């Protein structure tokens, strides 16, 4: 038995050993019920809100109750959706030319990351940001069959060793407006595919793309392509990190 407190009231709930698996958009996440115990109360199952939201690809913000909040804790759950950024003349966005491809994709980590020093504390790396940019003056439509993913590998002898986490990215919205970018924040709680916390060590976080990214200019009906990896100009494809 365990006691759960709500303000001045208490209830008694029963520990409810379970295996909880989330299936969505090609991803499978297993909840670590050792760190997030499941409860049963009045024939209803309860799991921690943050664990549930992050497993579903959402992010959670918590502000403790205070006089300013009327004594209520403020909990905000934000769904994981693509955000659109449009660039104007003042943004000095380099146009598509022989140096920059019209369509580019990339992955970014928090501002504190320095690839030369590998000093990023991966335990604080809870948000991975995928971006796709259109540098051209046309609206572009990425091939809906394009498979993109974020993967985390252990590193041994300087090379990728074992896959510990994979997140399949949802299709990019179409069209991608001219001189614009879509970005998607992917919450990650530093767990492996079975829901267990990863072990301390060296890891590589990488963006997986096809060899070529195929797209069409809206209304043209003609398929074009750019090279996936060499053509990437918006964030890196791979980040070495240390988890201590």
Protein backbone atom coordinates (compact mmCIF):
# COMPACT_ATOMS: atom_id res chain seq x y z
CA UNK A 1 0.00 0.00 0.00
CA UNK A 2 1.13 3.55 -0.59
CA UNK A 3 -0.21 6.92 0.45
CA UNK A 4 -0.63 9.74 -2.06
CA UNK A 5 -1.18 13.26 -0.72
CA UNK A 6 -3.34 15.91 -2.43
CA UNK A 7 -3.20 19.22 -0.56
CA UNK A 8 -4.73 18.53 2.89
CA UNK A 9 -6.46 15.31 1.81
CA UNK A 10 -4.99 11.81 1.50
CA UNK A 11 -5.99 8.66 -0.33
CA UNK A 12 -4.65 5.14 -0.27
CA UNK A 13 -3.70 3.47 -3.52
CA UNK A 14 -2.35 0.01 -4.32
CA UNK A 15 0.92 -0.53 -6.18
CA UNK A 16 -0.05 -2.01 -9.55
CA UNK A 17 2.95 -3.81 -11.19
CA UNK A 18 2.56 -3.36 -14.95
CA UNK A 19 4.40 -3.21 -18.24
CA UNK A 20 3.22 -0.14 -20.15
CA UNK A 21 4.13 0.24 -23.83
CA UNK A 22 3.34 3.30 -25.94
CA UNK A 23 2.92 2.85 -29.71
CA UNK A 24 2.67 5.97 -31.84
CA UNK A 25 3.87 7.18 -35.23
CA UNK A 26 6.23 4.26 -35.73
CA UNK A 27 7.79 4.56 -32.27
CA UNK A 28 7.61 2.20 -29.33
CA UNK A 29 8.37 3.41 -25.81
CA UNK A 30 8.32 1.19 -22.72
CA UNK A 31 7.72 3.02 -19.44
CA UNK A 32 10.26 2.32 -16.71
CA UNK A 33 7.85 1.38 -13.94
CA UNK A 34 10.66 1.00 -11.42
CA UNK A 35 11.27 4.74 -11.52
CA UNK A 36 7.64 5.51 -12.29
CA UNK A 37 5.50 3.15 -10.19
CA UNK A 38 1.96 2.47 -11.39
CA UNK A 39 -0.90 2.82 -8.90
CA UNK A 40 -4.45 1.53 -8.76
CA UNK A 41 -7.19 3.47 -7.01
CA UNK A 42 -10.92 2.78 -7.28
CA UNK A 43 -10.25 0.39 -10.19
CA UNK A 44 -8.45 3.08 -12.15
CA UNK A 45 -4.79 2.98 -13.13
CA UNK A 46 -2.55 5.98 -12.42
CA UNK A 47 0.93 6.69 -13.77
CA UNK A 48 3.12 9.80 -13.33
CA UNK A 49 2.00 12.60 -15.65
CA UNK A 50 5.50 13.59 -16.79
CA UNK A 51 6.43 10.01 -17.64
CA UNK A 52 3.20 9.57 -19.61
CA UNK A 53 3.48 12.89 -21.48
CA UNK A 54 7.14 12.46 -22.44
CA UNK A 55 6.53 8.89 -23.59
CA UNK A 56 3.84 10.31 -25.90
CA UNK A 57 6.33 12.83 -27.30
CA UNK A 58 5.10 15.86 -25.35
CA UNK A 59 7.00 18.11 -22.95
CA UNK A 60 5.98 19.10 -19.42
CA UNK A 61 6.62 22.34 -17.56
CA UNK A 62 6.05 22.51 -13.78
CA UNK A 63 5.77 25.59 -11.55
CA UNK A 64 5.30 24.99 -7.84
CA UNK A 65 2.23 26.48 -6.21
CA UNK A 66 2.66 29.87 -4.59
CA UNK A 67 0.65 32.87 -3.53
CA UNK A 68 0.91 34.18 -7.09
CA UNK A 69 -0.72 31.02 -8.46
CA UNK A 70 -3.43 30.88 -5.84
CA UNK A 71 -1.69 27.97 -4.14
CA UNK A 72 -2.09 25.76 -7.21
CA UNK A 73 0.75 23.92 -8.94
CA UNK A 74 0.92 24.94 -12.60
CA UNK A 75 1.47 22.02 -14.98
CA UNK A 76 1.66 22.68 -18.73
CA UNK A 77 1.74 19.80 -21.19
CA UNK A 78 2.82 20.84 -24.68
CA UNK A 79 2.20 18.55 -27.64
CA UNK A 80 5.12 17.83 -29.93
CA UNK A 81 4.24 19.64 -33.16
CA UNK A 82 6.23 21.22 -35.95
CA UNK A 83 6.84 24.95 -35.54
CA UNK A 84 7.14 27.17 -38.61
CA UNK A 85 9.72 29.97 -38.87
CA UNK A 86 9.63 32.38 -41.80
CA UNK A 87 12.71 34.38 -42.74
CA UNK A 88 12.56 37.94 -44.02
CA UNK A 89 15.17 40.11 -45.78
CA UNK A 90 16.58 41.25 -42.43
CA UNK A 91 17.48 37.66 -41.47
CA UNK A 92 20.29 37.47 -44.06
CA UNK A 93 19.36 33.91 -44.98
CA UNK A 94 21.75 32.63 -47.64
CA UNK A 95 19.77 31.72 -50.77
CA UNK A 96 19.87 28.36 -52.52
CA UNK A 97 22.89 28.35 -54.86
CA UNK A 98 25.94 26.23 -55.61
CA UNK A 99 26.85 26.27 -51.92
CA UNK A 100 23.49 25.90 -50.20
CA UNK A 101 20.92 23.38 -51.37
CA UNK A 102 17.23 24.41 -51.56
CA UNK A 103 16.21 21.72 -49.05
CA UNK A 104 18.36 20.89 -46.00
CA UNK A 105 17.81 19.02 -42.75
CA UNK A 106 19.67 19.01 -39.46
CA UNK A 107 19.68 18.17 -35.78
CA UNK A 108 20.61 20.51 -32.95
CA UNK A 109 21.25 20.16 -29.23
CA UNK A 110 21.16 22.76 -26.42
CA UNK A 111 23.31 25.89 -26.71
CA UNK A 112 25.67 24.59 -24.02
CA UNK A 113 26.95 21.84 -26.31
CA UNK A 114 30.52 22.22 -27.56
CA UNK A 115 31.50 19.41 -29.95
CA UNK A 116 35.23 20.11 -29.55
CA UNK A 117 35.15 19.49 -25.80
CA UNK A 118 32.33 16.93 -25.46
CA UNK A 119 31.37 18.68 -22.24
CA UNK A 120 27.62 18.48 -22.71
CA UNK A 121 25.99 16.74 -19.76
CA UNK A 122 23.68 14.33 -21.53
CA UNK A 123 21.51 14.05 -18.42
CA UNK A 124 20.34 17.59 -19.17
CA UNK A 125 19.85 16.89 -22.88
CA UNK A 126 16.12 16.38 -22.73
CA UNK A 127 15.26 18.19 -25.97
CA UNK A 128 16.59 17.26 -29.39
CA UNK A 129 15.54 19.64 -32.18
CA UNK A 130 15.09 18.45 -35.77
CA UNK A 131 14.84 21.12 -38.48
CA UNK A 132 14.17 21.19 -42.21
CA UNK A 133 14.88 24.40 -44.11
CA UNK A 134 13.74 25.72 -47.49
CA UNK A 135 16.21 28.31 -48.77
CA UNK A 136 14.53 28.71 -52.17
CA UNK A 137 11.90 31.20 -53.34
CA UNK A 138 9.46 28.36 -54.10
CA UNK A 139 7.24 26.29 -51.85
CA UNK A 140 8.71 22.79 -51.58
CA UNK A 141 7.04 19.45 -50.90
CA UNK A 142 9.24 16.75 -49.36
CA UNK A 143 8.53 13.19 -50.52
CA UNK A 144 6.07 11.74 -47.98
CA UNK A 145 7.91 8.41 -48.16
CA UNK A 146 11.07 9.96 -46.71
CA UNK A 147 12.07 8.16 -43.50
CA UNK A 148 13.87 10.28 -40.92
CA UNK A 149 14.87 9.29 -37.40
CA UNK A 150 17.00 10.26 -34.42
CA UNK A 151 19.20 7.49 -33.04
CA UNK A 152 21.45 7.23 -29.99
CA UNK A 153 24.39 4.81 -30.02
CA UNK A 154 27.00 3.76 -27.52
CA UNK A 155 30.51 4.56 -28.75
CA UNK A 156 33.33 2.02 -28.67
CA UNK A 157 36.81 2.59 -30.12
CA UNK A 158 35.59 5.85 -31.64
CA UNK A 159 32.77 4.26 -33.64
CA UNK A 160 29.05 3.63 -33.20
CA UNK A 161 28.57 0.40 -31.29
CA UNK A 162 25.08 -0.42 -29.97
CA UNK A 163 21.77 1.27 -30.76
CA UNK A 164 20.10 2.19 -27.47
CA UNK A 165 17.34 4.58 -28.57
CA UNK A 166 15.51 5.40 -31.79
CA UNK A 167 12.80 7.98 -32.48
CA UNK A 168 11.11 7.89 -35.90
CA UNK A 169 10.32 11.46 -36.95
CA UNK A 170 6.80 12.17 -38.24
CA UNK A 171 6.38 13.38 -41.85
CA UNK A 172 7.31 17.00 -42.46
CA UNK A 173 4.24 19.22 -43.12
CA UNK A 174 3.67 20.16 -46.76
CA UNK A 175 4.38 22.42 -48.37
CA UNK A 176 7.44 23.97 -46.75
CA UNK A 177 6.94 27.68 -47.51
CA UNK A 178 9.70 29.57 -49.33
CA UNK A 179 12.50 30.92 -47.11
CA UNK A 180 11.12 29.07 -44.11
CA UNK A 181 11.97 26.25 -41.75
CA UNK A 182 9.99 23.68 -39.79
CA UNK A 183 11.42 22.56 -36.46
CA UNK A 184 10.33 19.73 -34.18
CA UNK A 185 11.39 19.39 -30.54
CA UNK A 186 11.75 15.76 -29.48
CA UNK A 187 11.77 15.24 -25.69
CA UNK A 188 14.12 12.48 -24.58
CA UNK A 189 14.52 11.32 -20.98
CA UNK A 190 17.86 9.57 -21.58
CA UNK A 191 16.34 6.09 -21.64
CA UNK A 192 16.92 3.10 -23.89
CA UNK A 193 14.32 1.24 -25.93
CA UNK A 194 13.20 -0.73 -22.87
CA UNK A 195 12.59 2.40 -20.80
CA UNK A 196 15.72 2.00 -18.66
CA UNK A 197 18.07 4.90 -17.93
CA UNK A 198 21.20 4.69 -20.06
CA UNK A 199 24.52 3.89 -18.40
CA UNK A 200 27.35 6.45 -18.02
CA UNK A 201 29.72 6.49 -20.99
CA UNK A 202 30.27 7.84 -24.50
CA UNK A 203 27.33 8.19 -26.87
CA UNK A 204 26.60 9.45 -30.36
CA UNK A 205 23.31 11.18 -31.13
CA UNK A 206 22.69 11.17 -34.87
CA UNK A 207 20.11 12.17 -37.44
CA UNK A 208 19.30 9.38 -39.88
CA UNK A 209 18.37 10.45 -43.41
CA UNK A 210 18.25 8.71 -46.81
CA UNK A 211 21.20 9.17 -49.14
CA UNK A 212 19.08 11.59 -51.18
CA UNK A 213 16.21 13.84 -50.10
CA UNK A 214 13.54 13.95 -52.81
CA UNK A 215 11.15 16.88 -53.19
CA UNK A 216 8.99 18.79 -55.64
CA UNK A 217 8.44 22.47 -56.25
CA UNK A 218 4.77 22.97 -55.46
CA UNK A 219 2.70 22.72 -58.65
CA UNK A 220 5.55 21.43 -60.82
CA UNK A 221 4.94 17.67 -60.64
CA UNK A 222 8.68 17.10 -61.20
CA UNK A 223 10.71 15.27 -58.58
CA UNK A 224 14.13 16.66 -57.70
CA UNK A 225 16.68 15.59 -55.11
CA UNK A 226 19.58 16.81 -53.02
CA UNK A 227 22.26 14.75 -51.33
CA UNK A 228 21.19 14.03 -47.76
CA UNK A 229 24.42 14.14 -45.77
CA UNK A 230 26.86 16.37 -47.70
CA UNK A 231 24.03 18.80 -48.47
CA UNK A 232 23.05 19.28 -44.83
CA UNK A 233 23.62 22.91 -43.80
CA UNK A 234 21.24 23.37 -40.89
CA UNK A 235 22.62 21.73 -37.74
CA UNK A 236 24.87 18.69 -37.54
CA UNK A 237 24.04 15.08 -38.34
CA UNK A 238 26.01 13.61 -35.46
CA UNK A 239 26.85 14.74 -31.91
CA UNK A 240 29.36 12.94 -29.65
CA UNK A 241 28.37 13.36 -26.00
CA UNK A 242 29.53 12.10 -22.61
CA UNK A 243 27.11 10.83 -19.99
CA UNK A 244 28.59 10.90 -16.47
